[in-house]
């Protein structure tokens, strides 16, 4: 089936923040497709169930008018099963890339509606190889491995640093991400064992959630940062830390790709997928399993610039395979050949 028109259903940025769906839109357009956005998280009514009814109604209306060959959902956890049934009445392909774990019902990253919808998608794109069998068991027809590809237009470009940037973002080690308890525990232990470490933390909820006497408070540089500010923090830090959340199981996350794409040094919590499939441990990625190993590797790589630069080069070369445009192009070629 030849695909020309795509209805992209996702959550799009309406301010200076960054939404992953915007990168999908831009790259689909660059690949030559005619694309229309539909923001499934737009607020029309303050009561959720009424707002969801409006969203589903408008989606059907826009799909009828635009008549796409492909409807590409990015998460879209509030889309009803009956809506998907109506969308499938036309000869079109329906796909969902779900950038969370659909089985993580404990932390609101999914819901029962998502699981009910699995069998109605022609292709369900999963960022984790380990989720393929559970997804098929839960009803997904075709599970396609789709790792967290990075947007080259954002992450692989030249950045000019002002003196103010250097003062603001320079650090030995940085962590950039929203607060959660596990991340707090890791970073607290790190500072206890390495009290003189120049650690910079950027992200939402840290000031609100940390205890008043937390040693991490002095390490917080600010709230979440995006795009050029994020890249500046990566590149002006000798080491960028990454922690794999429970819902990411043995897989990876966005930082796995974003940091190497900016030619920065990534030190990430170990997972089999990162260390053996996406990259090669100690050659194009460096991992840690314990707080002792984390401290040991921070000390080693802070004192070995040449080794850091070697890993950075290898990881940058390897991550070229996971550019979003390339990953999307392969997927589109695949489904049009079926």
C-alpha atoms as a PDB file:
ATOM      1  CA  UNK A   1       0.000   0.000   0.000  1.00  0.00           C
ATOM      2  CA  UNK A   2       1.352   3.394  -1.009  1.00  0.00           C
ATOM      3  CA  UNK A   3       1.185   5.897   1.868  1.00  0.00           C
ATOM      4  CA  UNK A   4       0.989   9.597   1.094  1.00  0.00           C
ATOM      5  CA  UNK A   5      -1.106  11.173   3.852  1.00  0.00           C
ATOM      6  CA  UNK A   6      -0.507  10.700   7.580  1.00  0.00           C
ATOM      7  CA  UNK A   7      -2.681  11.814  10.477  1.00  0.00           C
ATOM      8  CA  UNK A   8      -0.286  12.134  13.418  1.00  0.00           C
ATOM      9  CA  UNK A   9      -2.031  11.845  16.784  1.00  0.00           C
ATOM     10  CA  UNK A  10       0.191  12.974  19.645  1.00  0.00           C
ATOM     11  CA  UNK A  11       0.880  15.556  22.324  1.00  0.00           C
ATOM     12  CA  UNK A  12       2.477  18.620  20.750  1.00  0.00           C
ATOM     13  CA  UNK A  13       4.344  21.548  22.283  1.00  0.00           C
ATOM     14  CA  UNK A  14       2.402  24.769  22.653  1.00  0.00           C
ATOM     15  CA  UNK A  15       5.225  26.745  24.278  1.00  0.00           C
ATOM     16  CA  UNK A  16       9.020  26.591  24.407  1.00  0.00           C
ATOM     17  CA  UNK A  17       9.051  23.065  25.849  1.00  0.00           C
ATOM     18  CA  UNK A  18       9.858  20.060  23.683  1.00  0.00           C
ATOM     19  CA  UNK A  19       7.472  17.233  22.813  1.00  0.00           C
ATOM     20  CA  UNK A  20       8.686  14.080  21.081  1.00  0.00           C
ATOM     21  CA  UNK A  21       5.661  14.151  18.747  1.00  0.00           C
ATOM     22  CA  UNK A  22       6.927  17.393  17.190  1.00  0.00           C
ATOM     23  CA  UNK A  23      10.043  15.564  16.004  1.00  0.00           C
ATOM     24  CA  UNK A  24       7.907  12.855  14.410  1.00  0.00           C
ATOM     25  CA  UNK A  25       5.906  15.506  12.571  1.00  0.00           C
ATOM     26  CA  UNK A  26       8.988  17.336  11.280  1.00  0.00           C
ATOM     27  CA  UNK A  27      10.702  14.153  10.149  1.00  0.00           C
ATOM     28  CA  UNK A  28       7.609  12.758   8.420  1.00  0.00           C
ATOM     29  CA  UNK A  29       7.385  16.050   6.513  1.00  0.00           C
ATOM     30  CA  UNK A  30      11.086  15.864   5.587  1.00  0.00           C
ATOM     31  CA  UNK A  31      10.471  12.342   4.274  1.00  0.00           C
ATOM     32  CA  UNK A  32       7.918  13.773   1.861  1.00  0.00           C
ATOM     33  CA  UNK A  33       4.607  12.846   3.469  1.00  0.00           C
ATOM     34  CA  UNK A  34       1.598  15.121   3.780  1.00  0.00           C
ATOM     35  CA  UNK A  35       1.005  15.234   7.528  1.00  0.00           C
ATOM     36  CA  UNK A  36      -1.712  16.680   9.725  1.00  0.00           C
ATOM     37  CA  UNK A  37      -1.394  16.961  13.512  1.00  0.00           C
ATOM     38  CA  UNK A  38      -4.079  16.086  16.031  1.00  0.00           C
ATOM     39  CA  UNK A  39      -3.344  16.867  19.688  1.00  0.00           C
ATOM     40  CA  UNK A  40      -5.173  14.270  21.780  1.00  0.00           C
ATOM     41  CA  UNK A  41      -4.257  16.065  25.026  1.00  0.00           C
ATOM     42  CA  UNK A  42      -5.789  19.400  24.109  1.00  0.00           C
ATOM     43  CA  UNK A  43      -8.201  20.640  26.773  1.00  0.00           C
ATOM     44  CA  UNK A  44     -11.741  21.486  25.724  1.00  0.00           C
ATOM     45  CA  UNK A  45     -13.446  20.746  29.047  1.00  0.00           C
ATOM     46  CA  UNK A  46     -12.154  20.575  32.623  1.00  0.00           C
ATOM     47  CA  UNK A  47     -13.835  17.233  33.423  1.00  0.00           C
ATOM     48  CA  UNK A  48     -11.670  14.435  32.010  1.00  0.00           C
ATOM     49  CA  UNK A  49     -14.307  12.029  30.741  1.00  0.00           C
ATOM     50  CA  UNK A  50     -16.172  14.820  28.955  1.00  0.00           C
ATOM     51  CA  UNK A  51     -12.954  16.147  27.467  1.00  0.00           C
ATOM     52  CA  UNK A  52     -12.062  12.636  26.244  1.00  0.00           C
ATOM     53  CA  UNK A  53     -15.433  12.326  24.515  1.00  0.00           C
ATOM     54  CA  UNK A  54     -14.792  15.602  22.697  1.00  0.00           C
ATOM     55  CA  UNK A  55     -11.283  14.483  21.701  1.00  0.00           C
ATOM     56  CA  UNK A  56     -12.582  11.202  20.262  1.00  0.00           C
ATOM     57  CA  UNK A  57     -15.388  12.962  18.397  1.00  0.00           C
ATOM     58  CA  UNK A  58     -13.001  15.502  16.865  1.00  0.00           C
ATOM     59  CA  UNK A  59     -10.505  12.799  15.890  1.00  0.00           C
ATOM     60  CA  UNK A  60     -13.181  10.971  13.896  1.00  0.00           C
ATOM     61  CA  UNK A  61     -14.287  14.212  12.295  1.00  0.00           C
ATOM     62  CA  UNK A  62     -10.757  15.202  11.233  1.00  0.00           C
ATOM     63  CA  UNK A  63      -9.960  11.684   9.991  1.00  0.00           C
ATOM     64  CA  UNK A  64     -13.075  11.768   7.819  1.00  0.00           C
ATOM     65  CA  UNK A  65     -12.152  15.140   6.342  1.00  0.00           C
ATOM     66  CA  UNK A  66      -8.406  14.532   5.895  1.00  0.00           C
ATOM     67  CA  UNK A  67      -8.830  10.857   4.854  1.00  0.00           C
ATOM     68  CA  UNK A  68      -5.274   9.692   5.693  1.00  0.00           C
ATOM     69  CA  UNK A  69      -3.641   6.504   4.463  1.00  0.00           C
ATOM     70  CA  UNK A  70      -1.979   6.063   7.848  1.00  0.00           C
ATOM     71  CA  UNK A  71      -3.006   7.124  11.339  1.00  0.00           C
ATOM     72  CA  UNK A  72       0.091   7.204  13.519  1.00  0.00           C
ATOM     73  CA  UNK A  73      -0.660   7.395  17.243  1.00  0.00           C
ATOM     74  CA  UNK A  74       1.994   8.356  19.773  1.00  0.00           C
ATOM     75  CA  UNK A  75       0.682   6.971  23.056  1.00  0.00           C
ATOM     76  CA  UNK A  76      -2.909   8.380  22.814  1.00  0.00           C
ATOM     77  CA  UNK A  77      -4.068   6.660  25.987  1.00  0.00           C
ATOM     78  CA  UNK A  78      -7.498   8.333  25.963  1.00  0.00           C
ATOM     79  CA  UNK A  79      -8.643   7.066  22.552  1.00  0.00           C
ATOM     80  CA  UNK A  80     -11.627   4.721  22.823  1.00  0.00           C
ATOM     81  CA  UNK A  81     -11.814   1.252  21.292  1.00  0.00           C
ATOM     82  CA  UNK A  82     -15.004   2.209  19.447  1.00  0.00           C
ATOM     83  CA  UNK A  83     -13.112   5.136  17.901  1.00  0.00           C
ATOM     84  CA  UNK A  84     -10.416   2.805  16.574  1.00  0.00           C
ATOM     85  CA  UNK A  85     -13.094   0.474  15.177  1.00  0.00           C
ATOM     86  CA  UNK A  86     -14.609   3.351  13.198  1.00  0.00           C
ATOM     87  CA  UNK A  87     -11.191   4.525  12.002  1.00  0.00           C
ATOM     88  CA  UNK A  88     -10.451   1.012  10.733  1.00  0.00           C
ATOM     89  CA  UNK A  89     -13.579   0.928   8.558  1.00  0.00           C
ATOM     90  CA  UNK A  90     -11.586   2.698   5.868  1.00  0.00           C
ATOM     91  CA  UNK A  91      -8.715   1.014   4.040  1.00  0.00           C
ATOM     92  CA  UNK A  92      -6.004   2.598   6.149  1.00  0.00           C
ATOM     93  CA  UNK A  93      -3.183   1.485   8.419  1.00  0.00           C
ATOM     94  CA  UNK A  94      -3.353   2.254  12.132  1.00  0.00           C
ATOM     95  CA  UNK A  95      -0.149   2.318  14.181  1.00  0.00           C
ATOM     96  CA  UNK A  96       0.762   3.166  17.769  1.00  0.00           C
ATOM     97  CA  UNK A  97       4.195   4.009  19.112  1.00  0.00           C
ATOM     98  CA  UNK A  98       3.861   3.851  22.884  1.00  0.00           C
ATOM     99  CA  UNK A  99       6.847   5.560  24.573  1.00  0.00           C
ATOM    100  CA  UNK A 100       6.008   4.112  27.987  1.00  0.00           C
ATOM    101  CA  UNK A 101       5.436   0.631  29.324  1.00  0.00           C
ATOM    102  CA  UNK A 102       1.806  -0.319  28.651  1.00  0.00           C
ATOM    103  CA  UNK A 103       1.924  -2.742  31.567  1.00  0.00           C
ATOM    104  CA  UNK A 104       3.057  -0.111  34.102  1.00  0.00           C
ATOM    105  CA  UNK A 105      -0.416   0.489  35.498  1.00  0.00           C
ATOM    106  CA  UNK A 106       1.026   1.229  38.939  1.00  0.00           C
ATOM    107  CA  UNK A 107       2.419   4.631  37.987  1.00  0.00           C
ATOM    108  CA  UNK A 108      -0.171   5.958  35.518  1.00  0.00           C
ATOM    109  CA  UNK A 109       2.041   5.388  32.476  1.00  0.00           C
ATOM    110  CA  UNK A 110      -0.711   3.247  31.045  1.00  0.00           C
ATOM    111  CA  UNK A 111      -4.347   2.351  31.640  1.00  0.00           C
ATOM    112  CA  UNK A 112      -6.815  -0.409  30.864  1.00  0.00           C
ATOM    113  CA  UNK A 113      -7.992   1.424  27.745  1.00  0.00           C
ATOM    114  CA  UNK A 114      -4.553   1.050  26.188  1.00  0.00           C
ATOM    115  CA  UNK A 115      -4.557  -2.700  26.795  1.00  0.00           C
ATOM    116  CA  UNK A 116      -8.077  -3.024  25.350  1.00  0.00           C
ATOM    117  CA  UNK A 117      -6.946  -1.245  22.179  1.00  0.00           C
ATOM    118  CA  UNK A 118      -3.906  -3.415  21.447  1.00  0.00           C
ATOM    119  CA  UNK A 119      -5.615  -5.796  19.021  1.00  0.00           C
ATOM    120  CA  UNK A 120      -6.990  -2.943  16.882  1.00  0.00           C
ATOM    121  CA  UNK A 121      -3.620  -1.570  15.818  1.00  0.00           C
ATOM    122  CA  UNK A 122      -2.104  -2.981  12.650  1.00  0.00           C
ATOM    123  CA  UNK A 123       1.340  -2.359  14.142  1.00  0.00           C
ATOM    124  CA  UNK A 124       2.335  -1.639  17.718  1.00  0.00           C
ATOM    125  CA  UNK A 125       5.780  -0.060  17.999  1.00  0.00           C
ATOM    126  CA  UNK A 126       7.718  -1.072  21.091  1.00  0.00           C
ATOM    127  CA  UNK A 127      10.969   0.523  22.301  1.00  0.00           C
ATOM    128  CA  UNK A 128      11.850  -2.608  24.317  1.00  0.00           C
ATOM    129  CA  UNK A 129      12.629  -6.008  22.835  1.00  0.00           C
ATOM    130  CA  UNK A 130      11.659  -7.689  26.091  1.00  0.00           C
ATOM    131  CA  UNK A 131       8.063  -6.415  25.737  1.00  0.00           C
ATOM    132  CA  UNK A 132       7.426  -8.137  22.394  1.00  0.00           C
ATOM    133  CA  UNK A 133       6.059 -11.422  23.774  1.00  0.00           C
ATOM    134  CA  UNK A 134       3.961  -9.819  26.556  1.00  0.00           C
ATOM    135  CA  UNK A 135       2.458  -7.425  24.005  1.00  0.00           C
ATOM    136  CA  UNK A 136       1.556 -10.264  21.652  1.00  0.00           C
ATOM    137  CA  UNK A 137       0.080 -12.232  24.546  1.00  0.00           C
ATOM    138  CA  UNK A 138      -2.019  -9.173  25.432  1.00  0.00           C
ATOM    139  CA  UNK A 139      -3.443  -8.971  21.909  1.00  0.00           C
ATOM    140  CA  UNK A 140      -1.031  -6.952  19.758  1.00  0.00           C
ATOM    141  CA  UNK A 141      -0.961  -8.284  16.176  1.00  0.00           C
ATOM    142  CA  UNK A 142       2.372  -7.064  14.883  1.00  0.00           C
ATOM    143  CA  UNK A 143       4.994  -5.789  17.327  1.00  0.00           C
ATOM    144  CA  UNK A 144       7.767  -3.783  15.686  1.00  0.00           C
ATOM    145  CA  UNK A 145      10.974  -2.873  17.525  1.00  0.00           C
ATOM    146  CA  UNK A 146      11.267   0.919  17.483  1.00  0.00           C
ATOM    147  CA  UNK A 147      14.000   2.212  19.834  1.00  0.00           C
ATOM    148  CA  UNK A 148      13.970   5.763  21.203  1.00  0.00           C
ATOM    149  CA  UNK A 149      15.367   7.433  18.110  1.00  0.00           C
ATOM    150  CA  UNK A 150      16.764  10.956  18.418  1.00  0.00           C
ATOM    151  CA  UNK A 151      16.003  14.002  16.298  1.00  0.00           C
ATOM    152  CA  UNK A 152      19.195  14.935  14.466  1.00  0.00           C
ATOM    153  CA  UNK A 153      17.855  18.435  13.815  1.00  0.00           C
ATOM    154  CA  UNK A 154      17.844  19.083  17.558  1.00  0.00           C
ATOM    155  CA  UNK A 155      20.680  17.033  19.032  1.00  0.00           C
ATOM    156  CA  UNK A 156      23.365  16.925  16.374  1.00  0.00           C
ATOM    157  CA  UNK A 157      24.204  20.520  15.594  1.00  0.00           C
ATOM    158  CA  UNK A 158      26.863  23.060  16.404  1.00  0.00           C
ATOM    159  CA  UNK A 159      26.290  24.990  19.622  1.00  0.00           C
ATOM    160  CA  UNK A 160      28.004  28.292  20.437  1.00  0.00           C
ATOM    161  CA  UNK A 161      28.747  28.787  24.135  1.00  0.00           C
ATOM    162  CA  UNK A 162      28.757  32.234  25.695  1.00  0.00           C
ATOM    163  CA  UNK A 163      30.683  32.998  28.887  1.00  0.00           C
ATOM    164  CA  UNK A 164      27.324  33.016  30.646  1.00  0.00           C
ATOM    165  CA  UNK A 165      26.579  29.511  29.299  1.00  0.00           C
ATOM    166  CA  UNK A 166      29.905  28.191  30.546  1.00  0.00           C
ATOM    167  CA  UNK A 167      29.318  29.640  33.993  1.00  0.00           C
ATOM    168  CA  UNK A 168      25.775  28.298  34.121  1.00  0.00           C
ATOM    169  CA  UNK A 169      26.168  24.791  32.721  1.00  0.00           C
ATOM    170  CA  UNK A 170      29.766  23.749  33.399  1.00  0.00           C
ATOM    171  CA  UNK A 171      30.102  20.738  35.743  1.00  0.00           C
ATOM    172  CA  UNK A 172      32.016  17.538  36.310  1.00  0.00           C
ATOM    173  CA  UNK A 173      28.870  15.406  36.391  1.00  0.00           C
ATOM    174  CA  UNK A 174      25.304  16.324  35.572  1.00  0.00           C
ATOM    175  CA  UNK A 175      21.935  14.656  35.851  1.00  0.00           C
ATOM    176  CA  UNK A 176      18.978  16.094  33.952  1.00  0.00           C
ATOM    177  CA  UNK A 177      15.558  14.668  34.688  1.00  0.00           C
ATOM    178  CA  UNK A 178      12.466  14.900  36.861  1.00  0.00           C
ATOM    179  CA  UNK A 179      12.759  13.918  40.518  1.00  0.00           C
ATOM    180  CA  UNK A 180      11.779  10.456  41.613  1.00  0.00           C
ATOM    181  CA  UNK A 181      12.646   8.505  44.749  1.00  0.00           C
ATOM    182  CA  UNK A 182      15.074   6.103  43.099  1.00  0.00           C
ATOM    183  CA  UNK A 183      16.988   8.941  41.449  1.00  0.00           C
ATOM    184  CA  UNK A 184      17.121  10.783  44.742  1.00  0.00           C
ATOM    185  CA  UNK A 185      18.562   7.708  46.478  1.00  0.00           C
ATOM    186  CA  UNK A 186      21.230   7.174  43.802  1.00  0.00           C
ATOM    187  CA  UNK A 187      22.358  10.796  43.821  1.00  0.00           C
ATOM    188  CA  UNK A 188      22.264  11.109  47.615  1.00  0.00           C
ATOM    189  CA  UNK A 189      24.520   8.067  47.986  1.00  0.00           C
ATOM    190  CA  UNK A 190      26.807   9.454  45.291  1.00  0.00           C
ATOM    191  CA  UNK A 191      27.264  12.747  47.157  1.00  0.00           C
ATOM    192  CA  UNK A 192      27.794  10.967  50.462  1.00  0.00           C
ATOM    193  CA  UNK A 193      30.604   8.923  48.920  1.00  0.00           C
ATOM    194  CA  UNK A 194      31.985  11.773  46.780  1.00  0.00           C
ATOM    195  CA  UNK A 195      31.192  14.964  48.754  1.00  0.00           C
ATOM    196  CA  UNK A 196      33.535  17.154  46.691  1.00  0.00           C
ATOM    197  CA  UNK A 197      32.008  16.119  43.351  1.00  0.00           C
ATOM    198  CA  UNK A 198      30.861  19.028  41.183  1.00  0.00           C
ATOM    199  CA  UNK A 199      27.381  17.627  40.498  1.00  0.00           C
ATOM    200  CA  UNK A 200      24.698  19.631  38.675  1.00  0.00           C
ATOM    201  CA  UNK A 201      21.033  18.616  38.770  1.00  0.00           C
ATOM    202  CA  UNK A 202      18.400  20.010  36.428  1.00  0.00           C
ATOM    203  CA  UNK A 203      14.761  18.935  36.497  1.00  0.00           C
ATOM    204  CA  UNK A 204      11.273  19.428  37.842  1.00  0.00           C
ATOM    205  CA  UNK A 205      10.089  18.613  41.384  1.00  0.00           C
ATOM    206  CA  UNK A 206      13.541  18.428  42.999  1.00  0.00           C
ATOM    207  CA  UNK A 207      13.051  21.491  45.191  1.00  0.00           C
ATOM    208  CA  UNK A 208       9.518  20.418  46.057  1.00  0.00           C
ATOM    209  CA  UNK A 209      10.238  16.763  46.882  1.00  0.00           C
ATOM    210  CA  UNK A 210      13.676  16.798  48.527  1.00  0.00           C
ATOM    211  CA  UNK A 211      13.831  16.908  52.350  1.00  0.00           C
ATOM    212  CA  UNK A 212      14.887  20.310  53.647  1.00  0.00           C
ATOM    213  CA  UNK A 213      18.141  18.868  55.004  1.00  0.00           C
ATOM    214  CA  UNK A 214      19.002  16.968  51.787  1.00  0.00           C
ATOM    215  CA  UNK A 215      22.618  17.277  50.644  1.00  0.00           C
ATOM    216  CA  UNK A 216      21.330  17.430  47.075  1.00  0.00           C
ATOM    217  CA  UNK A 217      19.654  20.817  47.487  1.00  0.00           C
ATOM    218  CA  UNK A 218      22.913  22.658  46.894  1.00  0.00           C
ATOM    219  CA  UNK A 219      23.410  20.701  43.666  1.00  0.00           C
ATOM    220  CA  UNK A 220      20.165  21.770  42.002  1.00  0.00           C
ATOM    221  CA  UNK A 221      20.802  24.252  39.192  1.00  0.00           C
ATOM    222  CA  UNK A 222      17.203  24.698  38.041  1.00  0.00           C
ATOM    223  CA  UNK A 223      14.032  23.155  36.615  1.00  0.00           C
ATOM    224  CA  UNK A 224      13.748  21.108  33.422  1.00  0.00           C
ATOM    225  CA  UNK A 225      15.730  22.325  30.408  1.00  0.00           C
ATOM    226  CA  UNK A 226      15.119  21.539  26.741  1.00  0.00           C
ATOM    227  CA  UNK A 227      16.667  21.724  23.300  1.00  0.00           C
ATOM    228  CA  UNK A 228      19.720  24.053  23.159  1.00  0.00           C
ATOM    229  CA  UNK A 229      19.851  24.510  26.945  1.00  0.00           C
ATOM    230  CA  UNK A 230      19.800  20.741  27.403  1.00  0.00           C
ATOM    231  CA  UNK A 231      22.561  20.258  24.864  1.00  0.00           C
ATOM    232  CA  UNK A 232      24.694  22.950  26.502  1.00  0.00           C
ATOM    233  CA  UNK A 233      24.403  21.166  29.835  1.00  0.00           C
ATOM    234  CA  UNK A 234      25.356  17.848  28.209  1.00  0.00           C
ATOM    235  CA  UNK A 235      28.359  19.230  26.371  1.00  0.00           C
ATOM    236  CA  UNK A 236      29.649  21.370  29.248  1.00  0.00           C
ATOM    237  CA  UNK A 237      29.622  18.438  31.648  1.00  0.00           C
ATOM    238  CA  UNK A 238      32.389  15.865  31.605  1.00  0.00           C
ATOM    239  CA  UNK A 239      29.936  13.061  32.464  1.00  0.00           C
ATOM    240  CA  UNK A 240      26.170  12.830  31.943  1.00  0.00           C
ATOM    241  CA  UNK A 241      24.365  10.385  34.239  1.00  0.00           C
ATOM    242  CA  UNK A 242      21.390   8.262  33.224  1.00  0.00           C
ATOM    243  CA  UNK A 243      19.164   6.115  35.437  1.00  0.00           C
ATOM    244  CA  UNK A 244      16.847   3.466  33.999  1.00  0.00           C
ATOM    245  CA  UNK A 245      13.409   3.552  35.604  1.00  0.00           C
ATOM    246  CA  UNK A 246      11.634   0.339  36.597  1.00  0.00           C
ATOM    247  CA  UNK A 247       9.146   0.613  33.742  1.00  0.00           C
ATOM    248  CA  UNK A 248      12.040   0.646  31.267  1.00  0.00           C
ATOM    249  CA  UNK A 249      12.946  -2.864  32.456  1.00  0.00           C
ATOM    250  CA  UNK A 250      16.100  -4.146  30.746  1.00  0.00           C
ATOM    251  CA  UNK A 251      15.846  -1.652  27.909  1.00  0.00           C
ATOM    252  CA  UNK A 252      16.819   2.011  27.508  1.00  0.00           C
ATOM    253  CA  UNK A 253      15.386   5.527  27.492  1.00  0.00           C
ATOM    254  CA  UNK A 254      15.656   8.768  25.526  1.00  0.00           C
ATOM    255  CA  UNK A 255      18.921   9.801  27.195  1.00  0.00           C
ATOM    256  CA  UNK A 256      20.547   6.626  25.856  1.00  0.00           C
ATOM    257  CA  UNK A 257      20.362   8.163  22.382  1.00  0.00           C
ATOM    258  CA  UNK A 258      20.288  11.909  23.056  1.00  0.00           C
ATOM    259  CA  UNK A 259      23.570  12.157  24.947  1.00  0.00           C
ATOM    260  CA  UNK A 260      25.757  10.300  22.393  1.00  0.00           C
ATOM    261  CA  UNK A 261      24.074  12.284  19.605  1.00  0.00           C
ATOM    262  CA  UNK A 262      25.437  15.511  21.129  1.00  0.00           C
ATOM    263  CA  UNK A 263      28.968  14.063  21.327  1.00  0.00           C
ATOM    264  CA  UNK A 264      28.795  13.954  25.118  1.00  0.00           C
ATOM    265  CA  UNK A 265      29.908  11.245  27.544  1.00  0.00           C
ATOM    266  CA  UNK A 266      27.104   9.042  28.891  1.00  0.00           C
ATOM    267  CA  UNK A 267      27.409   6.979  32.079  1.00  0.00           C
ATOM    268  CA  UNK A 268      24.226   4.946  32.371  1.00  0.00           C
ATOM    269  CA  UNK A 269      22.681   2.433  34.721  1.00  0.00           C
ATOM    270  CA  UNK A 270      23.262  -0.995  33.185  1.00  0.00           C
ATOM    271  CA  UNK A 271      20.706  -2.758  31.021  1.00  0.00           C
ATOM    272  CA  UNK A 272      21.212  -5.668  28.653  1.00  0.00           C
ATOM    273  CA  UNK A 273      19.741  -3.820  25.694  1.00  0.00           C
ATOM    274  CA  UNK A 274      22.024  -0.806  26.102  1.00  0.00           C
ATOM    275  CA  UNK A 275      25.158  -2.829  26.777  1.00  0.00           C
ATOM    276  CA  UNK A 276      24.798  -5.579  24.168  1.00  0.00           C
ATOM    277  CA  UNK A 277      22.251  -4.661  21.482  1.00  0.00           C
ATOM    278  CA  UNK A 278      22.167  -0.901  21.025  1.00  0.00           C
ATOM    279  CA  UNK A 279      25.807  -0.313  22.002  1.00  0.00           C
ATOM    280  CA  UNK A 280      28.808  -2.324  23.140  1.00  0.00           C
ATOM    281  CA  UNK A 281      29.756  -1.945  26.788  1.00  0.00           C
ATOM    282  CA  UNK A 282      33.109  -0.260  27.500  1.00  0.00           C
ATOM    283  CA  UNK A 283      33.517   0.446  23.794  1.00  0.00           C
ATOM    284  CA  UNK A 284      30.601   2.691  22.815  1.00  0.00           C
ATOM    285  CA  UNK A 285      28.804   2.915  26.166  1.00  0.00           C
ATOM    286  CA  UNK A 286      29.783   2.835  29.849  1.00  0.00           C
ATOM    287  CA  UNK A 287      27.430   1.336  32.440  1.00  0.00           C
ATOM    288  CA  UNK A 288      27.200   0.851  36.198  1.00  0.00           C
ATOM    289  CA  UNK A 289      25.284  -1.601  38.372  1.00  0.00           C
ATOM    290  CA  UNK A 290      25.993  -0.388  41.895  1.00  0.00           C
ATOM    291  CA  UNK A 291      26.809   2.829  43.720  1.00  0.00           C
ATOM    292  CA  UNK A 292      30.367   1.595  44.233  1.00  0.00           C
ATOM    293  CA  UNK A 293      30.781   0.990  40.500  1.00  0.00           C
ATOM    294  CA  UNK A 294      29.233   4.363  39.740  1.00  0.00           C
ATOM    295  CA  UNK A 295      31.757   6.156  41.958  1.00  0.00           C
ATOM    296  CA  UNK A 296      34.634   4.114  40.588  1.00  0.00           C
ATOM    297  CA  UNK A 297      33.769   4.931  36.976  1.00  0.00           C
ATOM    298  CA  UNK A 298      33.169   8.608  37.680  1.00  0.00           C
ATOM    299  CA  UNK A 299      36.630   8.861  39.246  1.00  0.00           C
ATOM    300  CA  UNK A 300      38.239   6.936  36.414  1.00  0.00           C
ATOM    301  CA  UNK A 301      36.697   8.866  33.539  1.00  0.00           C
ATOM    302  CA  UNK A 302      37.110  12.265  35.192  1.00  0.00           C
ATOM    303  CA  UNK A 303      40.830  11.515  35.344  1.00  0.00           C
ATOM    304  CA  UNK A 304      41.092  10.000  31.859  1.00  0.00           C
ATOM    305  CA  UNK A 305      40.028  12.533  29.258  1.00  0.00           C
ATOM    306  CA  UNK A 306      41.448  10.512  26.374  1.00  0.00           C
ATOM    307  CA  UNK A 307      39.358   7.469  27.349  1.00  0.00           C
ATOM    308  CA  UNK A 308      36.263   9.651  27.635  1.00  0.00           C
ATOM    309  CA  UNK A 309      36.820  11.090  24.184  1.00  0.00           C
ATOM    310  CA  UNK A 310      37.310   7.623  22.692  1.00  0.00           C
ATOM    311  CA  UNK A 311      33.968   6.431  24.110  1.00  0.00           C
ATOM    312  CA  UNK A 312      32.267   9.634  22.943  1.00  0.00           C
ATOM    313  CA  UNK A 313      33.481   9.135  19.367  1.00  0.00           C
ATOM    314  CA  UNK A 314      32.451   5.467  19.290  1.00  0.00           C
ATOM    315  CA  UNK A 315      29.035   6.176  20.768  1.00  0.00           C
ATOM    316  CA  UNK A 316      28.440   9.061  18.357  1.00  0.00           C
ATOM    317  CA  UNK A 317      29.294   6.843  15.382  1.00  0.00           C
ATOM    318  CA  UNK A 318      27.049   4.074  16.671  1.00  0.00           C
ATOM    319  CA  UNK A 319      24.048   6.311  17.422  1.00  0.00           C
ATOM    320  CA  UNK A 320      23.831   7.452  13.790  1.00  0.00           C
ATOM    321  CA  UNK A 321      21.822   4.289  13.144  1.00  0.00           C
ATOM    322  CA  UNK A 322      19.158   5.537  15.558  1.00  0.00           C
ATOM    323  CA  UNK A 323      18.428   8.897  13.979  1.00  0.00           C
ATOM    324  CA  UNK A 324      14.639   9.341  13.949  1.00  0.00           C
ATOM    325  CA  UNK A 325      14.418   9.989  10.214  1.00  0.00           C
ATOM    326  CA  UNK A 326      16.318   6.778   9.475  1.00  0.00           C
ATOM    327  CA  UNK A 327      14.246   4.681  11.900  1.00  0.00           C
ATOM    328  CA  UNK A 328      10.983   6.151  10.557  1.00  0.00           C
ATOM    329  CA  UNK A 329      12.040   5.603   6.956  1.00  0.00           C
ATOM    330  CA  UNK A 330      12.823   1.932   7.630  1.00  0.00           C
ATOM    331  CA  UNK A 331       9.464   1.437   9.313  1.00  0.00           C
ATOM    332  CA  UNK A 332       7.537   3.144   6.525  1.00  0.00           C
ATOM    333  CA  UNK A 333       9.335   1.055   3.897  1.00  0.00           C
ATOM    334  CA  UNK A 334       8.537  -2.063   5.929  1.00  0.00           C
ATOM    335  CA  UNK A 335       4.782  -1.489   6.239  1.00  0.00           C
ATOM    336  CA  UNK A 336       4.437  -0.408   2.599  1.00  0.00           C
ATOM    337  CA  UNK A 337       6.153  -3.606   1.464  1.00  0.00           C
ATOM    338  CA  UNK A 338       3.760  -5.843   3.370  1.00  0.00           C
END
